[in-house]
Amino acid sequence: MESLLNALPWIVGGLVLVAVLAALRKPLQWLVRVLARTGVGLAVLWCLSGVGGVLGVNLGVNLLNALVLGVLGAPGFGLLLLMNWALAV
């Protein structure tokens, strides 16, 4: 009986952990997907910075630009180029 009382907090803690992870499953999947796409956007910006001078495209390699590029994709790239052009004038 005493071993059951010693194990009870661990059992309850495990059940609470399982319930919390089940409740946060969708938000965590969404967050992982956004982080992965932001990483890809950062990689694209880094690759573009190497050839951007030849093409006349100078976008900063930073987290905000990577987030916009990762979440919005090609339209986000167009938005970044348009904002770069509009703010440079």
N, C-alpha and C. Protein backbone atom coordinates (compact mmCIF):
# COMPACT_ATOMS: atom_id res chain seq x y z
N MET A 1 0.82 -1.20 0.00
CA MET A 1 0.00 0.00 0.00
C MET A 1 0.86 1.26 0.00
N GLU A 2 1.96 1.17 0.76
CA GLU A 2 2.85 2.34 0.84
C GLU A 2 3.51 2.63 -0.51
N SER A 3 3.86 1.58 -1.27
CA SER A 3 4.48 1.79 -2.58
C SER A 3 3.50 2.45 -3.54
N LEU A 4 2.21 2.13 -3.40
CA LEU A 4 1.19 2.78 -4.23
C LEU A 4 1.09 4.26 -3.89
N LEU A 5 1.15 4.59 -2.61
CA LEU A 5 1.09 5.99 -2.21
C LEU A 5 2.34 6.75 -2.65
N ASN A 6 3.49 6.08 -2.70
CA ASN A 6 4.70 6.72 -3.18
C ASN A 6 4.67 6.92 -4.69
N ALA A 7 4.02 6.04 -5.42
CA ALA A 7 3.95 6.13 -6.87
C ALA A 7 2.81 7.02 -7.36
N LEU A 8 1.85 7.32 -6.50
CA LEU A 8 0.68 8.10 -6.91
C LEU A 8 1.03 9.48 -7.47
N PRO A 9 1.93 10.26 -6.86
CA PRO A 9 2.27 11.56 -7.47
C PRO A 9 2.88 11.42 -8.86
N TRP A 10 3.67 10.37 -9.09
CA TRP A 10 4.25 10.16 -10.40
C TRP A 10 3.19 9.79 -11.43
N ILE A 11 2.23 8.99 -11.02
CA ILE A 11 1.15 8.60 -11.92
C ILE A 11 0.29 9.81 -12.28
N VAL A 12 -0.07 10.59 -11.27
CA VAL A 12 -0.89 11.79 -11.52
C VAL A 12 -0.12 12.79 -12.38
N GLY A 13 1.16 12.98 -12.08
CA GLY A 13 1.98 13.88 -12.88
C GLY A 13 2.08 13.44 -14.32
N GLY A 14 2.23 12.14 -14.55
CA GLY A 14 2.28 11.61 -15.91
C GLY A 14 0.97 11.82 -16.65
N LEU A 15 -0.14 11.61 -15.96
CA LEU A 15 -1.44 11.83 -16.59
C LEU A 15 -1.67 13.30 -16.92
N VAL A 16 -1.24 14.20 -16.04
CA VAL A 16 -1.35 15.63 -16.30
C VAL A 16 -0.49 16.02 -17.50
N LEU A 17 0.73 15.47 -17.57
CA LEU A 17 1.61 15.75 -18.69
C LEU A 17 1.01 15.27 -20.00
N VAL A 18 0.43 14.09 -20.02
CA VAL A 18 -0.22 13.57 -21.22
C VAL A 18 -1.40 14.45 -21.62
N ALA A 19 -2.18 14.91 -20.65
CA ALA A 19 -3.33 15.77 -20.95
C ALA A 19 -2.87 17.12 -21.52
N VAL A 20 -1.81 17.69 -20.96
CA VAL A 20 -1.30 18.98 -21.45
C VAL A 20 -0.75 18.83 -22.86
N LEU A 21 0.01 17.78 -23.12
CA LEU A 21 0.54 17.57 -24.46
C LEU A 21 -0.56 17.31 -25.48
N ALA A 22 -1.61 16.62 -25.07
CA ALA A 22 -2.74 16.38 -25.98
C ALA A 22 -3.47 17.68 -26.28
N ALA A 23 -3.59 18.55 -25.29
CA ALA A 23 -4.28 19.83 -25.50
C ALA A 23 -3.45 20.77 -26.37
N LEU A 24 -2.13 20.68 -26.28
CA LEU A 24 -1.27 21.58 -27.03
C LEU A 24 -0.76 20.98 -28.34
N ARG A 25 -1.32 19.88 -28.76
CA ARG A 25 -0.81 19.20 -29.94
C ARG A 25 -0.93 20.06 -31.19
N LYS A 26 -2.09 20.60 -31.46
CA LYS A 26 -2.29 21.43 -32.65
C LYS A 26 -1.44 22.70 -32.62
N PRO A 27 -1.45 23.47 -31.52
CA PRO A 27 -0.60 24.67 -31.50
C PRO A 27 0.89 24.35 -31.65
N LEU A 28 1.33 23.24 -31.09
CA LEU A 28 2.74 22.88 -31.22
C LEU A 28 3.07 22.48 -32.65
N GLN A 29 2.17 21.77 -33.32
CA GLN A 29 2.40 21.43 -34.72
C GLN A 29 2.45 22.68 -35.58
N TRP A 30 1.56 23.64 -35.30
CA TRP A 30 1.55 24.89 -36.04
C TRP A 30 2.85 25.65 -35.81
N LEU A 31 3.32 25.70 -34.57
CA LEU A 31 4.54 26.42 -34.24
C LEU A 31 5.75 25.78 -34.90
N VAL A 32 5.82 24.45 -34.91
CA VAL A 32 6.93 23.76 -35.56
C VAL A 32 6.91 24.02 -37.06
N ARG A 33 5.73 24.02 -37.67
CA ARG A 33 5.62 24.30 -39.10
C ARG A 33 6.06 25.72 -39.43
N VAL A 34 5.66 26.70 -38.62
CA VAL A 34 6.07 28.09 -38.85
C VAL A 34 7.58 28.24 -38.68
N LEU A 35 8.14 27.61 -37.66
CA LEU A 35 9.58 27.68 -37.44
C LEU A 35 10.36 27.04 -38.59
N ALA A 36 9.87 25.92 -39.11
CA ALA A 36 10.54 25.26 -40.24
C ALA A 36 10.48 26.13 -41.49
N ARG A 37 9.31 26.72 -41.75
CA ARG A 37 9.18 27.57 -42.93
C ARG A 37 10.01 28.85 -42.79
N THR A 38 10.13 29.35 -41.56
CA THR A 38 10.97 30.52 -41.32
C THR A 38 12.44 30.17 -41.56
N GLY A 39 12.85 28.98 -41.16
CA GLY A 39 14.21 28.53 -41.43
C GLY A 39 14.49 28.43 -42.92
N VAL A 40 13.53 27.91 -43.66
CA VAL A 40 13.69 27.84 -45.12
C VAL A 40 13.75 29.24 -45.71
N GLY A 41 12.92 30.15 -45.22
CA GLY A 41 12.96 31.53 -45.68
C GLY A 41 14.30 32.19 -45.38
N LEU A 42 14.86 31.90 -44.22
CA LEU A 42 16.17 32.44 -43.86
C LEU A 42 17.25 31.89 -44.79
N ALA A 43 17.16 30.61 -45.13
CA ALA A 43 18.12 30.02 -46.05
C ALA A 43 18.02 30.64 -47.44
N VAL A 44 16.79 30.89 -47.88
CA VAL A 44 16.60 31.53 -49.19
C VAL A 44 17.16 32.94 -49.19
N LEU A 45 16.93 33.69 -48.12
CA LEU A 45 17.49 35.04 -48.04
C LEU A 45 19.01 35.01 -48.02
N TRP A 46 19.58 34.03 -47.32
CA TRP A 46 21.03 33.93 -47.27
C TRP A 46 21.60 33.61 -48.65
N CYS A 47 20.95 32.69 -49.37
CA CYS A 47 21.40 32.36 -50.73
C CYS A 47 21.22 33.55 -51.66
N LEU A 48 20.15 34.28 -51.47
CA LEU A 48 19.88 35.44 -52.31
C LEU A 48 20.87 36.58 -52.04
N SER A 49 21.38 36.66 -50.82
CA SER A 49 22.32 37.73 -50.50
C SER A 49 23.62 37.56 -51.28
N GLY A 50 23.96 36.33 -51.63
CA GLY A 50 25.18 36.09 -52.40
C GLY A 50 25.08 36.58 -53.83
N VAL A 51 23.92 36.39 -54.45
CA VAL A 51 23.75 36.79 -55.85
C VAL A 51 22.84 38.01 -55.98
N GLY A 52 22.42 38.57 -54.88
CA GLY A 52 21.49 39.70 -54.93
C GLY A 52 22.10 40.95 -55.53
N GLY A 53 23.37 41.17 -55.32
CA GLY A 53 24.02 42.35 -55.89
C GLY A 53 24.03 42.31 -57.41
N VAL A 54 24.22 41.14 -57.99
CA VAL A 54 24.23 40.99 -59.44
C VAL A 54 22.83 41.24 -59.99
N LEU A 55 21.82 40.77 -59.26
CA LEU A 55 20.44 40.90 -59.71
C LEU A 55 19.82 42.25 -59.35
N GLY A 56 20.48 43.00 -58.47
CA GLY A 56 19.94 44.28 -58.02
C GLY A 56 18.94 44.14 -56.89
N VAL A 57 18.97 43.02 -56.20
CA VAL A 57 18.06 42.77 -55.08
C VAL A 57 18.88 42.75 -53.81
N ASN A 58 18.61 43.67 -52.91
CA ASN A 58 19.35 43.73 -51.65
C ASN A 58 18.37 43.66 -50.49
N LEU A 59 18.02 42.46 -50.08
CA LEU A 59 17.15 42.26 -48.93
C LEU A 59 18.01 41.85 -47.74
N GLY A 60 17.68 42.38 -46.59
CA GLY A 60 18.42 42.02 -45.39
C GLY A 60 18.13 40.59 -44.95
N VAL A 61 19.14 39.95 -44.44
CA VAL A 61 18.98 38.58 -43.91
C VAL A 61 18.70 38.72 -42.43
N ASN A 62 17.43 38.77 -42.08
CA ASN A 62 17.05 38.88 -40.67
C ASN A 62 15.80 38.04 -40.42
N LEU A 63 15.46 37.93 -39.16
CA LEU A 63 14.37 37.04 -38.77
C LEU A 63 13.01 37.53 -39.27
N LEU A 64 12.77 38.83 -39.28
CA LEU A 64 11.48 39.34 -39.75
C LEU A 64 11.29 39.06 -41.24
N ASN A 65 12.32 39.33 -42.05
CA ASN A 65 12.21 39.03 -43.48
C ASN A 65 12.03 37.53 -43.71
N ALA A 66 12.73 36.71 -42.94
CA ALA A 66 12.60 35.26 -43.08
C ALA A 66 11.20 34.81 -42.70
N LEU A 67 10.62 35.41 -41.66
CA LEU A 67 9.27 35.06 -41.24
C LEU A 67 8.25 35.42 -42.32
N VAL A 68 8.38 36.61 -42.89
CA VAL A 68 7.47 37.03 -43.96
C VAL A 68 7.62 36.10 -45.16
N LEU A 69 8.85 35.80 -45.53
CA LEU A 69 9.09 34.93 -46.68
C LEU A 69 8.62 33.51 -46.40
N GLY A 70 8.83 33.02 -45.20
CA GLY A 70 8.43 31.67 -44.86
C GLY A 70 6.92 31.49 -44.78
N VAL A 71 6.23 32.48 -44.22
CA VAL A 71 4.79 32.35 -44.05
C VAL A 71 4.04 32.65 -45.35
N LEU A 72 4.45 33.69 -46.06
CA LEU A 72 3.71 34.11 -47.25
C LEU A 72 4.23 33.50 -48.55
N GLY A 73 5.46 32.99 -48.56
CA GLY A 73 6.01 32.37 -49.76
C GLY A 73 6.37 33.39 -50.82
N ALA A 74 6.05 33.08 -52.08
CA ALA A 74 6.39 33.95 -53.20
C ALA A 74 5.72 35.33 -53.10
N PRO A 75 4.45 35.43 -52.69
CA PRO A 75 3.89 36.77 -52.50
C PRO A 75 4.61 37.56 -51.41
N GLY A 76 5.12 36.87 -50.40
CA GLY A 76 5.90 37.54 -49.37
C GLY A 76 7.20 38.08 -49.93
N PHE A 77 7.81 37.34 -50.86
CA PHE A 77 9.03 37.83 -51.51
C PHE A 77 8.73 39.09 -52.30
N GLY A 78 7.61 39.07 -53.02
CA GLY A 78 7.20 40.27 -53.76
C GLY A 78 6.93 41.44 -52.83
N LEU A 79 6.30 41.16 -51.70
CA LEU A 79 6.03 42.21 -50.71
C LEU A 79 7.33 42.79 -50.17
N LEU A 80 8.29 41.94 -49.87
CA LEU A 80 9.58 42.43 -49.37
C LEU A 80 10.30 43.27 -50.42
N LEU A 81 10.26 42.84 -51.67
CA LEU A 81 10.89 43.63 -52.73
C LEU A 81 10.19 44.97 -52.91
N LEU A 82 8.86 44.97 -52.85
CA LEU A 82 8.11 46.21 -53.00
C LEU A 82 8.39 47.16 -51.84
N MET A 83 8.44 46.64 -50.63
CA MET A 83 8.75 47.49 -49.48
C MET A 83 10.17 48.01 -49.54
N ASN A 84 11.10 47.19 -50.01
CA ASN A 84 12.49 47.63 -50.16
C ASN A 84 12.57 48.76 -51.18
N TRP A 85 11.86 48.62 -52.28
CA TRP A 85 11.87 49.64 -53.32
C TRP A 85 11.19 50.92 -52.82
N ALA A 86 10.04 50.78 -52.14
CA ALA A 86 9.28 51.94 -51.70
C ALA A 86 10.02 52.72 -50.60
N LEU A 87 10.70 52.02 -49.72
CA LEU A 87 11.40 52.71 -48.63
C LEU A 87 12.75 53.24 -49.05
N ALA A 88 13.28 52.78 -50.19
CA ALA A 88 14.57 53.26 -50.66
C ALA A 88 14.44 54.59 -51.38
N VAL A 89 13.24 54.94 -51.83
CA VAL A 89 13.04 56.19 -52.58
C VAL A 89 13.04 57.38 -51.67
